[in-house]
Amino acid sequence: MLRTLVLLLLLANALFFSWSRGWLDSIAPAHGEREPERLQRQQHPERLQVLNDRDAAALQQRSCLEIGPLRGEEPLKNAQAMLAKAGIASSEWQDQRSDLAGVWAVATIKFPNKEFGQRKEETYHRLKINFEYLSGMPEEMPSMLLSRHPSEKAAEAAVEAMSQRALKGLRVLQLQAPQTVHLLQFPRADGALRGQLAAFNARPCANPPALAASAPAASSPAGPASSSASR
């Protein structure tokens, strides 16, 4: 009996010695996460650097940055997907949304030739009607713009009024469709977030959150669109 007890004690000591030396780590790790394995699992250790007090304070400073304007829902969805892929949480930004009205114009028909356009110029000069040549819409050029309006109905009323003056060959053109413009604003971006947003061409906020509520709605110059009606 005593011999058996001694043998069991020797076996237990041998097992403990082997375990404490790490020889049985494949079965029962002696120290849990061993340092060599941790080192092997490091990713880009060369990027780590010790910051001095000034650099650490700069990282903690917060400022307002913004991305945009993003015109329409598709650019907004693309930007959201890219931010999520970069690991930037949606709680970091706010969508400052502006709804822009469309722009319609009273325009002449497309000139069939140069002489036709010259006659139109002479007529409008004689009647003291301001005009400008249409640009940015090759399929509708050459033609002239006589006035701009915030709605198609207003432009049609202007065409009707001009027809009372015996002016013919006029139509309504849509220069800009109504659209929604998005501005993604990061009101409290710290140094780390500012570094991430550099890839998105983020810039300082024109209207930080405290001022955004009282700021006027964004506006943009009229851009080309398609013809909505003709006269």
C-alpha atoms as a PDB file:
ATOM      1  CA  MET A   1       0.000   0.000   0.000  1.00  0.00           C
ATOM      2  CA  LEU A   2       2.794   2.383   0.947  1.00  0.00           C
ATOM      3  CA  ARG A   3       4.707   1.504  -2.220  1.00  0.00           C
ATOM      4  CA  THR A   4       1.656   2.313  -4.342  1.00  0.00           C
ATOM      5  CA  LEU A   5       1.223   5.695  -2.644  1.00  0.00           C
ATOM      6  CA  VAL A   6       4.887   6.558  -3.249  1.00  0.00           C
ATOM      7  CA  LEU A   7       4.586   5.652  -6.914  1.00  0.00           C
ATOM      8  CA  LEU A   8       1.470   7.807  -7.290  1.00  0.00           C
ATOM      9  CA  LEU A   9       3.246  10.758  -5.665  1.00  0.00           C
ATOM     10  CA  LEU A  10       6.248  10.367  -7.982  1.00  0.00           C
ATOM     11  CA  LEU A  11       3.943  10.182 -11.002  1.00  0.00           C
ATOM     12  CA  ALA A  12       2.039  13.269  -9.875  1.00  0.00           C
ATOM     13  CA  ASN A  13       5.284  15.186  -9.371  1.00  0.00           C
ATOM     14  CA  ALA A  14       6.505  14.162 -12.813  1.00  0.00           C
ATOM     15  CA  LEU A  15       3.257  15.283 -14.422  1.00  0.00           C
ATOM     16  CA  PHE A  16       3.321  18.604 -12.569  1.00  0.00           C
ATOM     17  CA  PHE A  17       6.950  19.188 -13.556  1.00  0.00           C
ATOM     18  CA  SER A  18       6.156  18.484 -17.216  1.00  0.00           C
ATOM     19  CA  TRP A  19       3.043  20.693 -17.113  1.00  0.00           C
ATOM     20  CA  SER A  20       4.880  23.616 -15.442  1.00  0.00           C
ATOM     21  CA  ARG A  21       7.610  23.433 -18.094  1.00  0.00           C
ATOM     22  CA  GLY A  22       5.037  23.726 -20.850  1.00  0.00           C
ATOM     23  CA  TRP A  23       5.715  20.257 -22.226  1.00  0.00           C
ATOM     24  CA  LEU A  24       2.009  19.430 -22.020  1.00  0.00           C
ATOM     25  CA  ASP A  25       0.725  22.699 -23.543  1.00  0.00           C
ATOM     26  CA  SER A  26      -0.919  20.843 -26.421  1.00  0.00           C
ATOM     27  CA  ILE A  27      -3.084  19.061 -23.836  1.00  0.00           C
ATOM     28  CA  ALA A  28      -3.318  21.524 -20.927  1.00  0.00           C
ATOM     29  CA  PRO A  29      -1.531  24.905 -21.330  1.00  0.00           C
ATOM     30  CA  ALA A  30       0.312  25.798 -18.144  1.00  0.00           C
ATOM     31  CA  HIS A  31       0.042  29.590 -18.488  1.00  0.00           C
ATOM     32  CA  GLY A  32      -2.978  30.165 -20.724  1.00  0.00           C
ATOM     33  CA  GLU A  33      -1.965  32.709 -23.384  1.00  0.00           C
ATOM     34  CA  ARG A  34       1.784  32.269 -23.718  1.00  0.00           C
ATOM     35  CA  GLU A  35       3.807  35.238 -24.901  1.00  0.00           C
ATOM     36  CA  PRO A  36       5.255  33.680 -28.119  1.00  0.00           C
ATOM     37  CA  GLU A  37       1.789  32.976 -29.481  1.00  0.00           C
ATOM     38  CA  ARG A  38       0.656  36.528 -28.692  1.00  0.00           C
ATOM     39  CA  LEU A  39       3.618  37.947 -30.556  1.00  0.00           C
ATOM     40  CA  GLN A  40       2.890  35.778 -33.577  1.00  0.00           C
ATOM     41  CA  ARG A  41      -0.706  37.043 -33.674  1.00  0.00           C
ATOM     42  CA  GLN A  42       0.281  40.718 -33.756  1.00  0.00           C
ATOM     43  CA  GLN A  43      -0.790  42.608 -36.858  1.00  0.00           C
ATOM     44  CA  HIS A  44       1.470  45.388 -38.190  1.00  0.00           C
ATOM     45  CA  PRO A  45       3.444  45.916 -34.965  1.00  0.00           C
ATOM     46  CA  GLU A  46       5.663  48.367 -36.889  1.00  0.00           C
ATOM     47  CA  ARG A  47       2.762  50.838 -36.903  1.00  0.00           C
ATOM     48  CA  LEU A  48       2.755  51.175 -33.130  1.00  0.00           C
ATOM     49  CA  GLN A  49       4.431  54.245 -31.715  1.00  0.00           C
ATOM     50  CA  VAL A  50       4.643  55.915 -28.330  1.00  0.00           C
ATOM     51  CA  LEU A  51       3.087  59.388 -28.346  1.00  0.00           C
ATOM     52  CA  ASN A  52       4.382  62.306 -26.369  1.00  0.00           C
ATOM     53  CA  ASP A  53       2.008  64.416 -24.288  1.00  0.00           C
ATOM     54  CA  ARG A  54       1.481  67.000 -27.046  1.00  0.00           C
ATOM     55  CA  ASP A  55       0.601  64.402 -29.707  1.00  0.00           C
ATOM     56  CA  ALA A  56      -1.691  62.556 -27.305  1.00  0.00           C
ATOM     57  CA  ALA A  57      -3.510  65.811 -26.508  1.00  0.00           C
ATOM     58  CA  ALA A  58      -3.876  66.570 -30.236  1.00  0.00           C
ATOM     59  CA  LEU A  59      -5.532  63.192 -30.797  1.00  0.00           C
ATOM     60  CA  GLN A  60      -8.052  63.951 -28.071  1.00  0.00           C
ATOM     61  CA  GLN A  61      -9.020  67.336 -29.521  1.00  0.00           C
ATOM     62  CA  ARG A  62     -12.351  67.270 -31.347  1.00  0.00           C
ATOM     63  CA  SER A  63     -13.515  69.254 -34.355  1.00  0.00           C
ATOM     64  CA  CYS A  64     -16.384  69.241 -36.851  1.00  0.00           C
ATOM     65  CA  LEU A  65     -15.817  67.726 -40.303  1.00  0.00           C
ATOM     66  CA  GLU A  66     -18.221  67.125 -43.184  1.00  0.00           C
ATOM     67  CA  ILE A  67     -18.479  65.106 -46.388  1.00  0.00           C
ATOM     68  CA  GLY A  68     -20.487  66.324 -49.345  1.00  0.00           C
ATOM     69  CA  PRO A  69     -22.629  67.710 -50.762  1.00  0.00           C
ATOM     70  CA  LEU A  70     -24.100  64.411 -51.957  1.00  0.00           C
ATOM     71  CA  ARG A  71     -26.825  65.022 -54.531  1.00  0.00           C
ATOM     72  CA  GLY A  72     -29.505  62.354 -54.380  1.00  0.00           C
ATOM     73  CA  GLU A  73     -30.060  59.083 -52.545  1.00  0.00           C
ATOM     74  CA  GLU A  74     -27.637  56.891 -54.516  1.00  0.00           C
ATOM     75  CA  PRO A  75     -24.506  58.918 -53.599  1.00  0.00           C
ATOM     76  CA  LEU A  76     -25.724  58.913 -49.990  1.00  0.00           C
ATOM     77  CA  LYS A  77     -26.045  55.111 -49.936  1.00  0.00           C
ATOM     78  CA  ASN A  78     -22.593  54.718 -51.476  1.00  0.00           C
ATOM     79  CA  ALA A  79     -21.024  57.020 -48.880  1.00  0.00           C
ATOM     80  CA  GLN A  80     -22.782  55.178 -46.036  1.00  0.00           C
ATOM     81  CA  ALA A  81     -21.499  51.832 -47.335  1.00  0.00           C
ATOM     82  CA  MET A  82     -17.925  53.137 -47.586  1.00  0.00           C
ATOM     83  CA  LEU A  83     -18.036  54.593 -44.073  1.00  0.00           C
ATOM     84  CA  ALA A  84     -19.326  51.304 -42.679  1.00  0.00           C
ATOM     85  CA  LYS A  85     -16.583  49.407 -44.527  1.00  0.00           C
ATOM     86  CA  ALA A  86     -14.003  51.731 -42.957  1.00  0.00           C
ATOM     87  CA  GLY A  87     -15.384  50.852 -39.518  1.00  0.00           C
ATOM     88  CA  ILE A  88     -16.922  54.288 -38.863  1.00  0.00           C
ATOM     89  CA  ALA A  89     -20.152  53.913 -36.886  1.00  0.00           C
ATOM     90  CA  SER A  90     -23.309  55.696 -38.036  1.00  0.00           C
ATOM     91  CA  SER A  91     -23.527  57.288 -34.575  1.00  0.00           C
ATOM     92  CA  GLU A  92     -20.465  59.400 -35.471  1.00  0.00           C
ATOM     93  CA  TRP A  93     -22.239  61.443 -38.170  1.00  0.00           C
ATOM     94  CA  GLN A  94     -25.435  63.364 -38.840  1.00  0.00           C
ATOM     95  CA  ASP A  95     -27.224  63.797 -42.175  1.00  0.00           C
ATOM     96  CA  GLN A  96     -27.825  67.498 -42.825  1.00  0.00           C
ATOM     97  CA  ARG A  97     -30.473  67.330 -45.550  1.00  0.00           C
ATOM     98  CA  SER A  98     -31.641  70.106 -47.879  1.00  0.00           C
ATOM     99  CA  ASP A  99     -34.445  69.852 -50.435  1.00  0.00           C
ATOM    100  CA  LEU A 100     -33.742  71.923 -53.556  1.00  0.00           C
ATOM    101  CA  ALA A 101     -36.555  73.074 -55.817  1.00  0.00           C
ATOM    102  CA  GLY A 102     -36.423  72.453 -59.535  1.00  0.00           C
ATOM    103  CA  VAL A 103     -35.726  75.164 -62.111  1.00  0.00           C
ATOM    104  CA  TRP A 104     -37.746  75.619 -65.300  1.00  0.00           C
ATOM    105  CA  ALA A 105     -37.115  78.147 -68.067  1.00  0.00           C
ATOM    106  CA  VAL A 106     -38.919  79.786 -70.948  1.00  0.00           C
ATOM    107  CA  ALA A 107     -36.792  79.029 -73.991  1.00  0.00           C
ATOM    108  CA  THR A 108     -36.985  79.345 -77.733  1.00  0.00           C
ATOM    109  CA  ILE A 109     -37.208  76.313 -79.940  1.00  0.00           C
ATOM    110  CA  LYS A 110     -33.924  74.923 -81.210  1.00  0.00           C
ATOM    111  CA  PHE A 111     -32.679  77.155 -84.031  1.00  0.00           C
ATOM    112  CA  PRO A 112     -32.743  75.385 -87.406  1.00  0.00           C
ATOM    113  CA  ASN A 113     -30.033  77.687 -88.751  1.00  0.00           C
ATOM    114  CA  LYS A 114     -27.922  80.755 -87.925  1.00  0.00           C
ATOM    115  CA  GLU A 115     -30.226  83.191 -89.744  1.00  0.00           C
ATOM    116  CA  PHE A 116     -33.168  82.100 -87.594  1.00  0.00           C
ATOM    117  CA  GLY A 117     -31.187  82.888 -84.450  1.00  0.00           C
ATOM    118  CA  GLN A 118     -30.185  86.306 -85.758  1.00  0.00           C
ATOM    119  CA  ARG A 119     -33.832  87.192 -86.432  1.00  0.00           C
ATOM    120  CA  LYS A 120     -34.723  86.140 -82.875  1.00  0.00           C
ATOM    121  CA  GLU A 121     -31.958  88.375 -81.491  1.00  0.00           C
ATOM    122  CA  GLU A 122     -33.259  91.346 -83.476  1.00  0.00           C
ATOM    123  CA  THR A 123     -36.816  90.743 -82.281  1.00  0.00           C
ATOM    124  CA  TYR A 124     -35.883  90.523 -78.593  1.00  0.00           C
ATOM    125  CA  HIS A 125     -33.609  93.564 -78.799  1.00  0.00           C
ATOM    126  CA  ARG A 126     -36.428  95.570 -80.389  1.00  0.00           C
ATOM    127  CA  LEU A 127     -38.899  94.476 -77.707  1.00  0.00           C
ATOM    128  CA  LYS A 128     -36.293  94.984 -74.943  1.00  0.00           C
ATOM    129  CA  ILE A 129     -36.578  91.366 -73.786  1.00  0.00           C
ATOM    130  CA  ASN A 130     -33.506  90.016 -72.023  1.00  0.00           C
ATOM    131  CA  PHE A 131     -32.156  86.683 -73.212  1.00  0.00           C
ATOM    132  CA  GLU A 132     -29.142  84.415 -72.907  1.00  0.00           C
ATOM    133  CA  TYR A 133     -27.969  81.489 -74.977  1.00  0.00           C
ATOM    134  CA  LEU A 134     -28.577  78.054 -73.518  1.00  0.00           C
ATOM    135  CA  SER A 135     -25.473  76.102 -72.454  1.00  0.00           C
ATOM    136  CA  GLY A 136     -24.800  72.645 -71.057  1.00  0.00           C
ATOM    137  CA  MET A 137     -27.577  70.908 -73.030  1.00  0.00           C
ATOM    138  CA  PRO A 138     -26.097  70.055 -76.455  1.00  0.00           C
ATOM    139  CA  GLU A 139     -29.243  68.253 -77.619  1.00  0.00           C
ATOM    140  CA  GLU A 140     -31.285  71.463 -77.132  1.00  0.00           C
ATOM    141  CA  MET A 141     -28.770  73.937 -78.594  1.00  0.00           C
ATOM    142  CA  PRO A 142     -28.650  76.447 -80.123  1.00  0.00           C
ATOM    143  CA  SER A 143     -31.557  78.162 -78.405  1.00  0.00           C
ATOM    144  CA  MET A 144     -32.182  81.087 -76.039  1.00  0.00           C
ATOM    145  CA  LEU A 145     -33.413  81.349 -72.454  1.00  0.00           C
ATOM    146  CA  LEU A 146     -35.782  84.222 -71.737  1.00  0.00           C
ATOM    147  CA  SER A 147     -36.630  83.628 -68.053  1.00  0.00           C
ATOM    148  CA  ARG A 148     -36.269  81.132 -65.197  1.00  0.00           C
ATOM    149  CA  HIS A 149     -39.033  79.928 -62.846  1.00  0.00           C
ATOM    150  CA  PRO A 150     -39.381  77.788 -59.687  1.00  0.00           C
ATOM    151  CA  SER A 151     -42.108  75.570 -61.154  1.00  0.00           C
ATOM    152  CA  GLU A 152     -43.252  74.206 -64.492  1.00  0.00           C
ATOM    153  CA  LYS A 153     -46.651  75.866 -64.016  1.00  0.00           C
ATOM    154  CA  ALA A 154     -45.035  79.299 -63.587  1.00  0.00           C
ATOM    155  CA  ALA A 155     -42.951  78.784 -66.718  1.00  0.00           C
ATOM    156  CA  GLU A 156     -46.044  77.770 -68.707  1.00  0.00           C
ATOM    157  CA  ALA A 157     -47.849  80.907 -67.509  1.00  0.00           C
ATOM    158  CA  ALA A 158     -44.904  83.015 -68.712  1.00  0.00           C
ATOM    159  CA  VAL A 159     -45.051  81.353 -72.138  1.00  0.00           C
ATOM    160  CA  GLU A 160     -48.786  82.097 -72.280  1.00  0.00           C
ATOM    161  CA  ALA A 161     -48.183  85.749 -71.380  1.00  0.00           C
ATOM    162  CA  MET A 162     -45.537  86.095 -74.098  1.00  0.00           C
ATOM    163  CA  SER A 163     -47.843  84.514 -76.648  1.00  0.00           C
ATOM    164  CA  GLN A 164     -50.230  87.423 -76.004  1.00  0.00           C
ATOM    165  CA  ARG A 165     -47.472  89.669 -77.378  1.00  0.00           C
ATOM    166  CA  ALA A 166     -47.377  87.631 -80.581  1.00  0.00           C
ATOM    167  CA  LEU A 167     -44.132  85.904 -79.575  1.00  0.00           C
ATOM    168  CA  LYS A 168     -43.991  82.421 -81.041  1.00  0.00           C
ATOM    169  CA  GLY A 169     -41.598  79.511 -81.071  1.00  0.00           C
ATOM    170  CA  LEU A 170     -41.324  79.310 -77.250  1.00  0.00           C
ATOM    171  CA  ARG A 171     -41.286  76.274 -74.975  1.00  0.00           C
ATOM    172  CA  VAL A 172     -40.683  75.224 -71.358  1.00  0.00           C
ATOM    173  CA  LEU A 173     -37.360  73.561 -70.495  1.00  0.00           C
ATOM    174  CA  GLN A 174     -36.499  71.904 -67.194  1.00  0.00           C
ATOM    175  CA  LEU A 175     -33.006  73.039 -66.264  1.00  0.00           C
ATOM    176  CA  GLN A 176     -32.819  71.309 -62.886  1.00  0.00           C
ATOM    177  CA  ALA A 177     -34.996  68.579 -61.415  1.00  0.00           C
ATOM    178  CA  PRO A 178     -36.024  68.831 -57.740  1.00  0.00           C
ATOM    179  CA  GLN A 179     -33.457  66.997 -55.660  1.00  0.00           C
ATOM    180  CA  THR A 180     -32.313  66.291 -52.125  1.00  0.00           C
ATOM    181  CA  VAL A 181     -28.772  67.231 -51.114  1.00  0.00           C
ATOM    182  CA  HIS A 182     -27.085  65.466 -48.189  1.00  0.00           C
ATOM    183  CA  LEU A 183     -24.180  66.739 -46.097  1.00  0.00           C
ATOM    184  CA  LEU A 184     -22.684  64.162 -43.729  1.00  0.00           C
ATOM    185  CA  GLN A 185     -21.452  66.015 -40.672  1.00  0.00           C
ATOM    186  CA  PHE A 186     -19.115  64.602 -38.002  1.00  0.00           C
ATOM    187  CA  PRO A 187     -19.597  67.097 -35.144  1.00  0.00           C
ATOM    188  CA  ARG A 188     -17.055  65.624 -32.676  1.00  0.00           C
ATOM    189  CA  ALA A 189     -14.284  64.009 -34.701  1.00  0.00           C
ATOM    190  CA  ASP A 190     -11.174  63.206 -32.658  1.00  0.00           C
ATOM    191  CA  GLY A 191      -7.695  62.704 -34.066  1.00  0.00           C
ATOM    192  CA  ALA A 192      -8.227  59.037 -34.935  1.00  0.00           C
ATOM    193  CA  LEU A 193     -11.488  59.733 -36.751  1.00  0.00           C
ATOM    194  CA  ARG A 194      -9.973  62.703 -38.576  1.00  0.00           C
ATOM    195  CA  GLY A 195      -7.293  60.365 -39.875  1.00  0.00           C
ATOM    196  CA  GLN A 196      -9.926  57.944 -41.197  1.00  0.00           C
ATOM    197  CA  LEU A 197     -11.956  60.720 -42.809  1.00  0.00           C
ATOM    198  CA  ALA A 198      -8.945  62.013 -44.737  1.00  0.00           C
ATOM    199  CA  ALA A 199      -9.611  59.242 -47.280  1.00  0.00           C
ATOM    200  CA  PHE A 200     -13.104  60.695 -47.823  1.00  0.00           C
ATOM    201  CA  ASN A 201     -11.858  64.244 -48.546  1.00  0.00           C
ATOM    202  CA  ALA A 202     -13.660  65.523 -45.453  1.00  0.00           C
ATOM    203  CA  ARG A 203     -13.339  69.249 -44.778  1.00  0.00           C
ATOM    204  CA  PRO A 204     -14.053  71.545 -41.802  1.00  0.00           C
ATOM    205  CA  CYS A 205     -17.763  72.198 -41.279  1.00  0.00           C
ATOM    206  CA  ALA A 206     -19.040  75.395 -42.870  1.00  0.00           C
ATOM    207  CA  ASN A 207     -21.845  75.458 -40.276  1.00  0.00           C
ATOM    208  CA  PRO A 208     -20.957  73.557 -37.077  1.00  0.00           C
ATOM    209  CA  PRO A 209     -23.911  71.952 -35.221  1.00  0.00           C
ATOM    210  CA  ALA A 210     -24.524  74.970 -32.981  1.00  0.00           C
ATOM    211  CA  LEU A 211     -24.984  77.189 -36.045  1.00  0.00           C
ATOM    212  CA  ALA A 212     -26.549  74.713 -38.445  1.00  0.00           C
ATOM    213  CA  ALA A 213     -30.118  75.250 -37.206  1.00  0.00           C
ATOM    214  CA  SER A 214     -30.064  78.950 -38.082  1.00  0.00           C
ATOM    215  CA  ALA A 215     -28.158  78.570 -41.334  1.00  0.00           C
ATOM    216  CA  PRO A 216     -30.023  79.163 -44.613  1.00  0.00           C
ATOM    217  CA  ALA A 217     -30.842  76.202 -46.794  1.00  0.00           C
ATOM    218  CA  ALA A 218     -28.145  75.190 -49.249  1.00  0.00           C
ATOM    219  CA  SER A 219     -28.475  76.248 -52.840  1.00  0.00           C
ATOM    220  CA  SER A 220     -26.727  75.307 -56.051  1.00  0.00           C
ATOM    221  CA  PRO A 221     -26.586  76.656 -59.570  1.00  0.00           C
ATOM    222  CA  ALA A 222     -29.028  75.273 -62.049  1.00  0.00           C
ATOM    223  CA  GLY A 223     -27.721  72.246 -63.911  1.00  0.00           C
ATOM    224  CA  PRO A 224     -28.778  70.646 -67.176  1.00  0.00           C
ATOM    225  CA  ALA A 225     -31.779  68.350 -67.335  1.00  0.00           C
ATOM    226  CA  SER A 226     -34.288  67.399 -70.011  1.00  0.00           C
ATOM    227  CA  SER A 227     -37.132  69.080 -71.837  1.00  0.00           C
ATOM    228  CA  SER A 228     -40.464  68.814 -70.052  1.00  0.00           C
ATOM    229  CA  ALA A 229     -42.790  70.467 -72.562  1.00  0.00           C
ATOM    230  CA  SER A 230     -42.741  72.455 -75.759  1.00  0.00           C
ATOM    231  CA  ARG A 231     -44.776  75.165 -77.286  1.00  0.00           C
END
